[in-house]
PDB file of N, CA and C in Angstrom:
ATOM      1  N   MET A   1      28.712 -20.679  -1.131  1.00  0.00           N
ATOM      2  CA  MET A   1      27.696 -19.611  -1.763  1.00  0.00           C
ATOM      3  C   MET A   1      27.298 -19.084  -0.801  1.00  0.00           C
ATOM      4  N   ASN A   2      26.710 -17.793  -0.970  1.00  0.00           N
ATOM      5  CA  ASN A   2      25.894 -17.093  -0.240  1.00  0.00           C
ATOM      6  C   ASN A   2      24.492 -16.580  -0.652  1.00  0.00           C
ATOM      7  N   TYR A   3      23.529 -17.106  -0.146  1.00  0.00           N
ATOM      8  CA  TYR A   3      22.221 -17.285  -0.736  1.00  0.00           C
ATOM      9  C   TYR A   3      21.380 -16.149  -0.071  1.00  0.00           C
ATOM     10  N   GLU A   4      21.750 -15.458   1.331  1.00  0.00           N
ATOM     11  CA  GLU A   4      20.976 -14.522   2.002  1.00  0.00           C
ATOM     12  C   GLU A   4      20.637 -13.468   1.107  1.00  0.00           C
ATOM     13  N   GLY A   5      21.201 -12.965   0.552  1.00  0.00           N
ATOM     14  CA  GLY A   5      20.867 -11.644  -0.358  1.00  0.00           C
ATOM     15  C   GLY A   5      19.928 -12.124  -1.499  1.00  0.00           C
ATOM     16  N   LEU A   6      19.908 -12.939  -2.054  1.00  0.00           N
ATOM     17  CA  LEU A   6      19.124 -13.538  -3.044  1.00  0.00           C
ATOM     18  C   LEU A   6      17.645 -13.709  -2.201  1.00  0.00           C
ATOM     19  N   LEU A   7      17.650 -14.379  -1.045  1.00  0.00           N
ATOM     20  CA  LEU A   7      16.323 -14.682  -0.598  1.00  0.00           C
ATOM     21  C   LEU A   7      15.821 -13.369   0.022  1.00  0.00           C
ATOM     22  N   LEU A   8      16.485 -12.608   0.501  1.00  0.00           N
ATOM     23  CA  LEU A   8      16.027 -11.066   0.959  1.00  0.00           C
ATOM     24  C   LEU A   8      15.605 -10.304  -0.209  1.00  0.00           C
ATOM     25  N   GLY A   9      16.313 -10.423  -1.570  1.00  0.00           N
ATOM     26  CA  GLY A   9      15.725  -9.725  -2.606  1.00  0.00           C
ATOM     27  C   GLY A   9      14.467 -10.580  -3.144  1.00  0.00           C
ATOM     28  N   ALA A  10      14.273 -11.654  -2.948  1.00  0.00           N
ATOM     29  CA  ALA A  10      12.974 -12.325  -3.239  1.00  0.00           C
ATOM     30  C   ALA A  10      11.822 -12.022  -2.266  1.00  0.00           C
ATOM     31  N   GLY A  11      12.415 -11.848  -0.994  1.00  0.00           N
ATOM     32  CA  GLY A  11      11.335 -11.323  -0.155  1.00  0.00           C
ATOM     33  C   GLY A  11      10.883  -9.900  -0.170  1.00  0.00           C
ATOM     34  N   ALA A  12      11.654  -9.152  -0.678  1.00  0.00           N
ATOM     35  CA  ALA A  12      11.328  -7.564  -1.219  1.00  0.00           C
ATOM     36  C   ALA A  12      10.347  -7.649  -2.432  1.00  0.00           C
ATOM     37  N   PHE A  13      10.831  -8.540  -3.495  1.00  0.00           N
ATOM     38  CA  PHE A  13       9.784  -8.855  -4.425  1.00  0.00           C
ATOM     39  C   PHE A  13       8.668  -9.270  -3.991  1.00  0.00           C
ATOM     40  N   LEU A  14       8.414 -10.101  -3.330  1.00  0.00           N
ATOM     41  CA  LEU A  14       7.040 -10.772  -2.674  1.00  0.00           C
ATOM     42  C   LEU A  14       6.354  -9.489  -2.153  1.00  0.00           C
ATOM     43  N   CYS A  15       6.909  -8.824  -1.044  1.00  0.00           N
ATOM     44  CA  CYS A  15       6.306  -7.826  -0.326  1.00  0.00           C
ATOM     45  C   CYS A  15       5.837  -6.717  -1.376  1.00  0.00           C
ATOM     46  N   ILE A  16       6.426  -6.414  -2.200  1.00  0.00           N
ATOM     47  CA  ILE A  16       6.055  -5.282  -3.344  1.00  0.00           C
ATOM     48  C   ILE A  16       4.808  -5.902  -4.167  1.00  0.00           C
ATOM     49  N   GLY A  17       5.052  -7.690  -4.465  1.00  0.00           N
ATOM     50  CA  GLY A  17       3.999  -8.047  -5.008  1.00  0.00           C
ATOM     51  C   GLY A  17       2.498  -8.298  -4.316  1.00  0.00           C
ATOM     52  N   PHE A  18       2.790  -8.434  -3.219  1.00  0.00           N
ATOM     53  CA  PHE A  18       1.789  -8.210  -2.135  1.00  0.00           C
ATOM     54  C   PHE A  18       0.904  -7.170  -1.866  1.00  0.00           C
ATOM     55  N   PHE A  19       1.558  -5.992  -1.765  1.00  0.00           N
ATOM     56  CA  PHE A  19       1.384  -4.874  -1.445  1.00  0.00           C
ATOM     57  C   PHE A  19       0.663  -3.992  -2.584  1.00  0.00           C
ATOM     58  N   HIS A  20       1.114  -4.485  -3.881  1.00  0.00           N
ATOM     59  CA  HIS A  20       0.495  -3.648  -4.994  1.00  0.00           C
ATOM     60  C   HIS A  20      -0.713  -3.783  -5.355  1.00  0.00           C
ATOM     61  N   PRO A  21      -1.401  -5.161  -5.215  1.00  0.00           N
ATOM     62  CA  PRO A  21      -2.924  -5.407  -5.309  1.00  0.00           C
ATOM     63  C   PRO A  21      -3.473  -5.150  -3.759  1.00  0.00           C
ATOM     64  N   MET A  22      -3.003  -5.178  -2.867  1.00  0.00           N
ATOM     65  CA  MET A  22      -3.659  -4.669  -1.637  1.00  0.00           C
ATOM     66  C   MET A  22      -4.096  -3.278  -1.730  1.00  0.00           C
ATOM     67  N   VAL A  23      -3.176  -2.324  -1.977  1.00  0.00           N
ATOM     68  CA  VAL A  23      -3.614  -1.123  -2.244  1.00  0.00           C
ATOM     69  C   VAL A  23      -4.548  -0.823  -3.284  1.00  0.00           C
ATOM     70  N   ILE A  24      -4.674  -1.439  -4.359  1.00  0.00           N
ATOM     71  CA  ILE A  24      -5.705  -1.538  -5.401  1.00  0.00           C
ATOM     72  C   ILE A  24      -7.216  -1.791  -4.673  1.00  0.00           C
ATOM     73  N   LYS A  25      -7.074  -3.222  -3.894  1.00  0.00           N
ATOM     74  CA  LYS A  25      -8.245  -3.552  -3.071  1.00  0.00           C
ATOM     75  C   LYS A  25      -8.483  -2.607  -2.010  1.00  0.00           C
ATOM     76  N   ALA A  26      -7.569  -2.141  -1.302  1.00  0.00           N
ATOM     77  CA  ALA A  26      -8.135  -1.404   0.022  1.00  0.00           C
ATOM     78  C   ALA A  26      -8.768   0.133  -0.961  1.00  0.00           C
ATOM     79  N   GLU A  27      -8.405   0.670  -1.734  1.00  0.00           N
ATOM     80  CA  GLU A  27      -8.991   1.878  -2.378  1.00  0.00           C
ATOM     81  C   GLU A  27     -10.172   1.363  -3.062  1.00  0.00           C
ATOM     82  N   TYR A  28     -10.504   0.450  -3.589  1.00  0.00           N
ATOM     83  CA  TYR A  28     -11.612  -0.140  -4.052  1.00  0.00           C
ATOM     84  C   TYR A  28     -12.845  -0.139  -3.081  1.00  0.00           C
ATOM     85  N   TYR A  29     -12.256  -0.904  -1.979  1.00  0.00           N
ATOM     86  CA  TYR A  29     -13.255  -1.150  -0.953  1.00  0.00           C
ATOM     87  C   TYR A  29     -13.547  -0.245   0.120  1.00  0.00           C
ATOM     88  N   PHE A  30     -12.538   0.557   0.311  1.00  0.00           N
ATOM     89  CA  PHE A  30     -12.412   1.609   1.554  1.00  0.00           C
ATOM     90  C   PHE A  30     -12.263   2.820   1.273  1.00  0.00           C
ATOM     91  N   GLY A  31     -11.800   3.193   0.175  1.00  0.00           N
ATOM     92  CA  GLY A  31     -11.145   4.486  -0.257  1.00  0.00           C
ATOM     93  C   GLY A  31      -9.825   4.732   0.289  1.00  0.00           C
ATOM     94  N   VAL A  32      -9.652   6.251   0.244  1.00  0.00           N
ATOM     95  CA  VAL A  32      -8.357   6.655   0.964  1.00  0.00           C
ATOM     96  C   VAL A  32      -8.221   6.565   2.288  1.00  0.00           C
ATOM     97  N   ARG A  33      -9.525   6.369   3.143  1.00  0.00           N
ATOM     98  CA  ARG A  33      -9.369   6.228   4.609  1.00  0.00           C
ATOM     99  C   ARG A  33      -8.641   4.913   4.657  1.00  0.00           C
ATOM    100  N   SER A  34      -8.422   4.114   4.098  1.00  0.00           N
ATOM    101  CA  SER A  34      -7.698   2.687   4.289  1.00  0.00           C
ATOM    102  C   SER A  34      -6.259   3.303   4.847  1.00  0.00           C
ATOM    103  N   TRP A  35      -5.708   4.701   4.343  1.00  0.00           N
ATOM    104  CA  TRP A  35      -4.089   4.785   4.753  1.00  0.00           C
ATOM    105  C   TRP A  35      -3.965   4.556   6.016  1.00  0.00           C
ATOM    106  N   SER A  36      -4.905   4.635   7.012  1.00  0.00           N
ATOM    107  CA  SER A  36      -4.559   4.306   8.308  1.00  0.00           C
ATOM    108  C   SER A  36      -4.137   2.764   8.824  1.00  0.00           C
ATOM    109  N   ALA A  37      -4.774   1.948   7.924  1.00  0.00           N
ATOM    110  CA  ALA A  37      -4.426   0.362   8.196  1.00  0.00           C
ATOM    111  C   ALA A  37      -2.904   0.301   7.677  1.00  0.00           C
ATOM    112  N   PHE A  38      -2.691   0.874   6.607  1.00  0.00           N
ATOM    113  CA  PHE A  38      -1.305   0.723   6.188  1.00  0.00           C
ATOM    114  C   PHE A  38      -0.409   1.357   7.091  1.00  0.00           C
ATOM    115  N   LEU A  39      -0.522   2.564   7.676  1.00  0.00           N
ATOM    116  CA  LEU A  39       0.172   3.020   8.725  1.00  0.00           C
ATOM    117  C   LEU A  39       0.230   2.317   9.967  1.00  0.00           C
ATOM    118  N   ILE A  40      -0.796   1.596  10.370  1.00  0.00           N
ATOM    119  CA  ILE A  40      -0.693   0.734  11.600  1.00  0.00           C
ATOM    120  C   ILE A  40       0.084  -0.629  11.538  1.00  0.00           C
ATOM    121  N   VAL A  41       0.024  -1.219  10.239  1.00  0.00           N
ATOM    122  CA  VAL A  41       0.479  -2.218   9.829  1.00  0.00           C
ATOM    123  C   VAL A  41       2.208  -2.118   9.713  1.00  0.00           C
ATOM    124  N   GLY A  42       2.301  -1.134   9.163  1.00  0.00           N
ATOM    125  CA  GLY A  42       3.716  -0.564   8.873  1.00  0.00           C
ATOM    126  C   GLY A  42       4.422  -0.188  10.220  1.00  0.00           C
ATOM    127  N   LEU A  43       3.896   0.238  11.271  1.00  0.00           N
ATOM    128  CA  LEU A  43       4.584   0.560  12.279  1.00  0.00           C
ATOM    129  C   LEU A  43       4.643  -0.447  13.061  1.00  0.00           C
ATOM    130  N   VAL A  44       3.685  -1.374  13.177  1.00  0.00           N
ATOM    131  CA  VAL A  44       4.115  -2.576  13.929  1.00  0.00           C
ATOM    132  C   VAL A  44       4.895  -3.395  13.623  1.00  0.00           C
ATOM    133  N   ALA A  45       5.066  -3.801  12.097  1.00  0.00           N
ATOM    134  CA  ALA A  45       6.012  -4.335  11.470  1.00  0.00           C
ATOM    135  C   ALA A  45       7.582  -3.793  11.726  1.00  0.00           C
ATOM    136  N   ALA A  46       7.586  -2.333  11.753  1.00  0.00           N
ATOM    137  CA  ALA A  46       8.678  -1.602  12.084  1.00  0.00           C
ATOM    138  C   ALA A  46       9.320  -2.080  13.555  1.00  0.00           C
ATOM    139  N   VAL A  47       8.271  -1.973  14.552  1.00  0.00           N
ATOM    140  CA  VAL A  47       8.763  -1.978  16.048  1.00  0.00           C
ATOM    141  C   VAL A  47       9.147  -3.557  16.102  1.00  0.00           C
ATOM    142  N   GLU A  48       8.233  -4.526  15.663  1.00  0.00           N
ATOM    143  CA  GLU A  48       8.711  -5.677  15.788  1.00  0.00           C
ATOM    144  C   GLU A  48      10.037  -6.272  15.104  1.00  0.00           C
ATOM    145  N   SER A  49      10.472  -5.437  14.022  1.00  0.00           N
ATOM    146  CA  SER A  49      11.626  -5.878  13.213  1.00  0.00           C
ATOM    147  C   SER A  49      12.748  -5.406  14.231  1.00  0.00           C
ATOM    148  N   LEU A  50      12.646  -4.442  15.021  1.00  0.00           N
ATOM    149  CA  LEU A  50      13.443  -3.984  16.209  1.00  0.00           C
ATOM    150  C   LEU A  50      13.924  -5.159  17.377  1.00  0.00           C
ATOM    151  N   PHE A  51      12.861  -6.071  17.437  1.00  0.00           N
ATOM    152  CA  PHE A  51      12.793  -6.903  18.583  1.00  0.00           C
ATOM    153  C   PHE A  51      13.242  -8.206  18.171  1.00  0.00           C
ATOM    154  N   ILE A  52      13.130  -8.491  16.803  1.00  0.00           N
ATOM    155  CA  ILE A  52      13.398  -9.859  16.574  1.00  0.00           C
ATOM    156  C   ILE A  52      14.885 -10.152  16.417  1.00  0.00           C
ATOM    157  N   GLU A  53      15.514 -11.280  16.936  1.00  0.00           N
ATOM    158  CA  GLU A  53      16.915 -11.595  16.971  1.00  0.00           C
ATOM    159  C   GLU A  53      17.364 -12.174  15.754  1.00  0.00           C
ATOM    160  N   ASN A  54      16.485 -12.802  14.948  1.00  0.00           N
ATOM    161  CA  ASN A  54      17.103 -13.496  13.867  1.00  0.00           C
ATOM    162  C   ASN A  54      17.305 -12.214  12.579  1.00  0.00           C
ATOM    163  N   THR A  55      18.304 -12.098  12.056  1.00  0.00           N
ATOM    164  CA  THR A  55      18.738 -10.935  11.429  1.00  0.00           C
ATOM    165  C   THR A  55      17.920 -10.773  10.195  1.00  0.00           C
ATOM    166  N   TYR A  56      17.909 -12.029   9.530  1.00  0.00           N
ATOM    167  CA  TYR A  56      17.093 -12.138   8.290  1.00  0.00           C
ATOM    168  C   TYR A  56      15.499 -11.907   8.286  1.00  0.00           C
ATOM    169  N   LEU A  57      14.963 -12.282   9.330  1.00  0.00           N
ATOM    170  CA  LEU A  57      13.804 -12.222   9.783  1.00  0.00           C
ATOM    171  C   LEU A  57      13.284 -10.834   9.927  1.00  0.00           C
ATOM    172  N   SER A  58      14.368 -10.165  10.803  1.00  0.00           N
ATOM    173  CA  SER A  58      14.303  -8.639  10.908  1.00  0.00           C
ATOM    174  C   SER A  58      14.278  -7.923   9.871  1.00  0.00           C
ATOM    175  N   ILE A  59      15.251  -8.192   8.804  1.00  0.00           N
ATOM    176  CA  ILE A  59      15.319  -7.399   7.664  1.00  0.00           C
ATOM    177  C   ILE A  59      14.117  -7.647   6.909  1.00  0.00           C
ATOM    178  N   PHE A  60      13.487  -8.724   6.664  1.00  0.00           N
ATOM    179  CA  PHE A  60      12.380  -9.011   6.051  1.00  0.00           C
ATOM    180  C   PHE A  60      11.206  -8.129   6.552  1.00  0.00           C
ATOM    181  N   LEU A  61      11.029  -8.308   8.014  1.00  0.00           N
ATOM    182  CA  LEU A  61       9.967  -7.352   8.456  1.00  0.00           C
ATOM    183  C   LEU A  61      10.265  -5.999   8.286  1.00  0.00           C
ATOM    184  N   GLY A  62      11.359  -5.539   8.216  1.00  0.00           N
ATOM    185  CA  GLY A  62      11.803  -4.158   7.638  1.00  0.00           C
ATOM    186  C   GLY A  62      11.178  -3.888   6.396  1.00  0.00           C
ATOM    187  N   ILE A  63      11.530  -4.820   5.471  1.00  0.00           N
ATOM    188  CA  ILE A  63      10.975  -4.497   4.122  1.00  0.00           C
ATOM    189  C   ILE A  63       9.522  -4.667   4.054  1.00  0.00           C
ATOM    190  N   PHE A  64       8.795  -5.322   5.018  1.00  0.00           N
ATOM    191  CA  PHE A  64       7.425  -5.431   4.909  1.00  0.00           C
ATOM    192  C   PHE A  64       6.932  -4.244   5.389  1.00  0.00           C
ATOM    193  N   ALA A  65       7.494  -3.596   6.543  1.00  0.00           N
ATOM    194  CA  ALA A  65       7.186  -2.427   7.105  1.00  0.00           C
ATOM    195  C   ALA A  65       6.951  -1.310   6.159  1.00  0.00           C
ATOM    196  N   PHE A  66       8.316  -1.003   5.573  1.00  0.00           N
ATOM    197  CA  PHE A  66       8.286  -0.077   4.575  1.00  0.00           C
ATOM    198  C   PHE A  66       7.428  -0.154   3.357  1.00  0.00           C
ATOM    199  N   SER A  67       7.395  -1.279   3.018  1.00  0.00           N
ATOM    200  CA  SER A  67       6.315  -1.653   1.742  1.00  0.00           C
ATOM    201  C   SER A  67       4.936  -1.145   2.257  1.00  0.00           C
ATOM    202  N   SER A  68       4.447  -1.299   3.352  1.00  0.00           N
ATOM    203  CA  SER A  68       3.191  -0.850   3.812  1.00  0.00           C
ATOM    204  C   SER A  68       3.263   0.381   3.867  1.00  0.00           C
ATOM    205  N   LEU A  69       4.214   0.933   4.500  1.00  0.00           N
ATOM    206  CA  LEU A  69       4.366   2.683   4.530  1.00  0.00           C
ATOM    207  C   LEU A  69       4.241   3.294   3.226  1.00  0.00           C
ATOM    208  N   TRP A  70       4.886   2.588   2.328  1.00  0.00           N
ATOM    209  CA  TRP A  70       4.773   2.881   0.849  1.00  0.00           C
ATOM    210  C   TRP A  70       3.401   2.949   0.443  1.00  0.00           C
ATOM    211  N   GLY A  71       2.453   2.198   0.983  1.00  0.00           N
ATOM    212  CA  GLY A  71       1.266   2.020   0.387  1.00  0.00           C
ATOM    213  C   GLY A  71       0.332   3.066   0.732  1.00  0.00           C
ATOM    214  N   ILE A  72       0.774   3.811   1.741  1.00  0.00           N
ATOM    215  CA  ILE A  72      -0.046   5.067   2.137  1.00  0.00           C
ATOM    216  C   ILE A  72      -0.094   5.970   1.069  1.00  0.00           C
ATOM    217  N   GLY A  73       1.098   6.394   0.476  1.00  0.00           N
ATOM    218  CA  GLY A  73       1.058   7.263  -0.521  1.00  0.00           C
ATOM    219  C   GLY A  73       0.381   6.684  -1.756  1.00  0.00           C
ATOM    220  N   GLU A  74       0.625   5.284  -1.988  1.00  0.00           N
ATOM    221  CA  GLU A  74      -0.161   4.901  -3.399  1.00  0.00           C
ATOM    222  C   GLU A  74      -1.369   4.671  -3.120  1.00  0.00           C
ATOM    223  N   VAL A  75      -2.117   4.575  -2.136  1.00  0.00           N
ATOM    224  CA  VAL A  75      -3.789   4.651  -2.011  1.00  0.00           C
ATOM    225  C   VAL A  75      -4.269   6.091  -2.400  1.00  0.00           C
ATOM    226  N   PHE A  76      -3.697   6.974  -1.930  1.00  0.00           N
ATOM    227  CA  PHE A  76      -4.101   8.280  -2.687  1.00  0.00           C
ATOM    228  C   PHE A  76      -3.679   8.316  -4.060  1.00  0.00           C
ATOM    229  N   LYS A  77      -2.698   7.766  -4.492  1.00  0.00           N
ATOM    230  CA  LYS A  77      -2.371   7.881  -6.151  1.00  0.00           C
ATOM    231  C   LYS A  77      -3.415   6.945  -6.700  1.00  0.00           C
ATOM    232  N   GLN A  78      -3.726   5.812  -6.272  1.00  0.00           N
ATOM    233  CA  GLN A  78      -4.869   5.008  -6.808  1.00  0.00           C
ATOM    234  C   GLN A  78      -5.869   5.706  -6.954  1.00  0.00           C
ATOM    235  N   GLU A  79      -6.617   6.444  -5.927  1.00  0.00           N
ATOM    236  CA  GLU A  79      -7.691   7.207  -6.171  1.00  0.00           C
ATOM    237  C   GLU A  79      -7.814   7.974  -7.192  1.00  0.00           C
ATOM    238  N   LYS A  80      -6.698   8.775  -7.441  1.00  0.00           N
ATOM    239  CA  LYS A  80      -6.372   9.498  -8.887  1.00  0.00           C
ATOM    240  C   LYS A  80      -6.544   8.752  -9.875  1.00  0.00           C
ATOM    241  N   ARG A  81      -5.985   7.571  -9.883  1.00  0.00           N
ATOM    242  CA  ARG A  81      -6.037   6.521 -11.130  1.00  0.00           C
ATOM    243  C   ARG A  81      -7.373   6.245 -11.468  1.00  0.00           C
ATOM    244  N   VAL A  82      -8.369   6.044 -10.290  1.00  0.00           N
ATOM    245  CA  VAL A  82      -9.476   5.444 -10.528  1.00  0.00           C
ATOM    246  C   VAL A  82     -10.232   6.812 -11.154  1.00  0.00           C
ATOM    247  N   LEU A  83     -10.106   7.937 -10.651  1.00  0.00           N
ATOM    248  CA  LEU A  83     -10.704   9.415 -11.050  1.00  0.00           C
ATOM    249  C   LEU A  83     -10.531   9.408 -12.482  1.00  0.00           C
ATOM    250  N   ARG A  84      -9.405   9.007 -12.860  1.00  0.00           N
ATOM    251  CA  ARG A  84      -8.930   9.377 -14.411  1.00  0.00           C
ATOM    252  C   ARG A  84      -9.631   7.977 -15.214  1.00  0.00           C
ATOM    253  N   GLY A  85     -10.088   7.064 -14.682  1.00  0.00           N
ATOM    254  CA  GLY A  85     -10.738   5.977 -15.379  1.00  0.00           C
ATOM    255  C   GLY A  85      -9.555   5.015 -15.632  1.00  0.00           C
ATOM    256  N   TRP A  86      -8.726   4.911 -15.261  1.00  0.00           N
ATOM    257  CA  TRP A  86      -7.461   3.757 -15.536  1.00  0.00           C
ATOM    258  C   TRP A  86      -7.843   2.596 -14.791  1.00  0.00           C
ATOM    259  N   PHE A  87      -8.495   2.591 -13.446  1.00  0.00           N
ATOM    260  CA  PHE A  87      -9.000   1.339 -12.794  1.00  0.00           C
ATOM    261  C   PHE A  87     -10.604   1.603 -12.718  1.00  0.00           C
ATOM    262  N   PRO A  88     -11.343   0.472 -12.224  1.00  0.00           N
ATOM    263  CA  PRO A  88     -12.487   0.458 -12.263  1.00  0.00           C
ATOM    264  C   PRO A  88     -12.899   1.104 -10.780  1.00  0.00           C
ATOM    265  N   GLU A  89     -13.984   1.814 -10.755  1.00  0.00           N
ATOM    266  CA  GLU A  89     -14.520   2.431  -9.514  1.00  0.00           C
ATOM    267  C   GLU A  89     -15.560   1.307  -8.666  1.00  0.00           C
ATOM    268  N   ASN A  90     -15.617   1.722  -7.608  1.00  0.00           N
ATOM    269  CA  ASN A  90     -16.534   0.667  -6.740  1.00  0.00           C
ATOM    270  C   ASN A  90     -18.100   1.256  -7.016  1.00  0.00           C
ATOM    271  N   PRO A  91     -18.834   0.548  -7.622  1.00  0.00           N
ATOM    272  CA  PRO A  91     -20.406   1.155  -7.971  1.00  0.00           C
ATOM    273  C   PRO A  91     -20.874   1.735  -6.602  1.00  0.00           C
ATOM    274  N   LYS A  92     -20.406   1.242  -5.575  1.00  0.00           N
ATOM    275  CA  LYS A  92     -21.117   1.540  -4.225  1.00  0.00           C
ATOM    276  C   LYS A  92     -20.665   3.116  -3.813  1.00  0.00           C
ATOM    277  N   ARG A  93     -19.845   3.386  -4.444  1.00  0.00           N
ATOM    278  CA  ARG A  93     -19.192   4.713  -4.263  1.00  0.00           C
ATOM    279  C   ARG A  93     -19.177   5.392  -5.077  1.00  0.00           C
ATOM    280  N   HIS A  94     -20.029   5.284  -6.124  1.00  0.00           N
ATOM    281  CA  HIS A  94     -20.064   6.216  -7.352  1.00  0.00           C
ATOM    282  C   HIS A  94     -20.289   7.603  -7.166  1.00  0.00           C
ATOM    283  N   GLU A  95     -21.111   7.805  -6.209  1.00  0.00           N
ATOM    284  CA  GLU A  95     -21.457   9.149  -5.672  1.00  0.00           C
ATOM    285  C   GLU A  95     -20.373  10.159  -5.255  1.00  0.00           C
ATOM    286  N   TYR A  96     -19.474   9.316  -4.505  1.00  0.00           N
ATOM    287  CA  TYR A  96     -18.225   9.871  -3.691  1.00  0.00           C
ATOM    288  C   TYR A  96     -17.291  10.162  -5.019  1.00  0.00           C
ATOM    289  N   TYR A  97     -16.957   9.137  -6.034  1.00  0.00           N
ATOM    290  CA  TYR A  97     -16.147   9.558  -7.347  1.00  0.00           C
ATOM    291  C   TYR A  97     -16.834  10.625  -8.091  1.00  0.00           C
ATOM    292  N   THR A  98     -17.811  10.755  -8.182  1.00  0.00           N
ATOM    293  CA  THR A  98     -18.600  11.791  -9.040  1.00  0.00           C
ATOM    294  C   THR A  98     -18.482  13.420  -8.409  1.00  0.00           C
ATOM    295  N   ARG A  99     -18.704  13.264  -6.907  1.00  0.00           N
ATOM    296  CA  ARG A  99     -18.457  14.547  -6.150  1.00  0.00           C
ATOM    297  C   ARG A  99     -16.873  14.830  -6.385  1.00  0.00           C
ATOM    298  N   LYS A 100     -15.843  14.044  -6.365  1.00  0.00           N
ATOM    299  CA  LYS A 100     -14.209  14.157  -6.279  1.00  0.00           C
ATOM    300  C   LYS A 100     -14.136  14.722  -7.783  1.00  0.00           C
ATOM    301  N   ARG A 101     -14.705  14.302  -8.905  1.00  0.00           N
ATOM    302  CA  ARG A 101     -14.510  14.638 -10.164  1.00  0.00           C
ATOM    303  C   ARG A 101     -14.795  16.342 -10.379  1.00  0.00           C
ATOM    304  N   LYS A 102     -16.117  16.499  -9.695  1.00  0.00           N
ATOM    305  CA  LYS A 102     -16.854  17.736  -9.984  1.00  0.00           C
ATOM    306  C   LYS A 102     -15.658  18.839  -9.117  1.00  0.00           C
ATOM    307  N   GLU A 103     -15.129  18.302  -8.039  1.00  0.00           N
ATOM    308  CA  GLU A 103     -14.302  19.160  -7.147  1.00  0.00           C
ATOM    309  C   GLU A 103     -13.028  19.284  -8.058  1.00  0.00           C
ATOM    310  N   LEU A 104     -12.437  18.413  -8.708  1.00  0.00           N
ATOM    311  CA  LEU A 104     -11.331  18.489  -9.321  1.00  0.00           C
ATOM    312  C   LEU A 104     -11.579  19.592 -10.612  1.00  0.00           C
ATOM    313  N   LYS A 105     -12.719  19.317 -11.208  1.00  0.00           N
ATOM    314  CA  LYS A 105     -12.958  20.261 -12.591  1.00  0.00           C
ATOM    315  C   LYS A 105     -13.074  21.857 -11.791  1.00  0.00           C
ATOM    316  N   MET A 106     -13.543  21.890 -10.663  1.00  0.00           N
ATOM    317  CA  MET A 106     -13.737  23.379 -10.066  1.00  0.00           C
ATOM    318  C   MET A 106     -12.459  23.936  -9.773  1.00  0.00           C
ATOM    319  N   ALA A 107     -11.764  23.208  -9.458  1.00  0.00           N
ATOM    320  CA  ALA A 107     -10.204  23.542  -8.814  1.00  0.00           C
ATOM    321  C   ALA A 107      -9.378  23.851 -10.283  1.00  0.00           C
ATOM    322  N   ASP A 108      -9.515  23.426 -11.450  1.00  0.00           N
ATOM    323  CA  ASP A 108      -8.848  23.668 -12.607  1.00  0.00           C
ATOM    324  C   ASP A 108      -9.079  25.081 -13.076  1.00  0.00           C
TER     325      ASP A 108
END
C-alpha cells in the first residue's frame, strides 16, 4: 500500500486548518497590515521547499507556503467580514472600523 498521498493530503488539511484561524487572529490583532507577515512566511517556506532533499517534506513546505500566500487575500476578506458584523471586531480598533464603515457608505 502507498500511504504518501494520504499523508500529504492530511498535511494539506492541517495547513488549511492552521491558517484559517491564523487569518482570523491576525486581522483581529493587527488588521490588514498583517498581510506582509503571510507574504514573508510564504516566500521563506517556498524557497526552503526548493532546497529540501526529502521529497515529501519539500511538498509539505510547498503546501505550507501556498497556504500562507492564500492567507494574504483572506486577511482582506476577513476585514470585510468583520465590517459586515459576521466576526467580532477588536474593541481597541473600534475607531478604525467605524471610519472604514463610513468610507464604504460614502463609496455606495
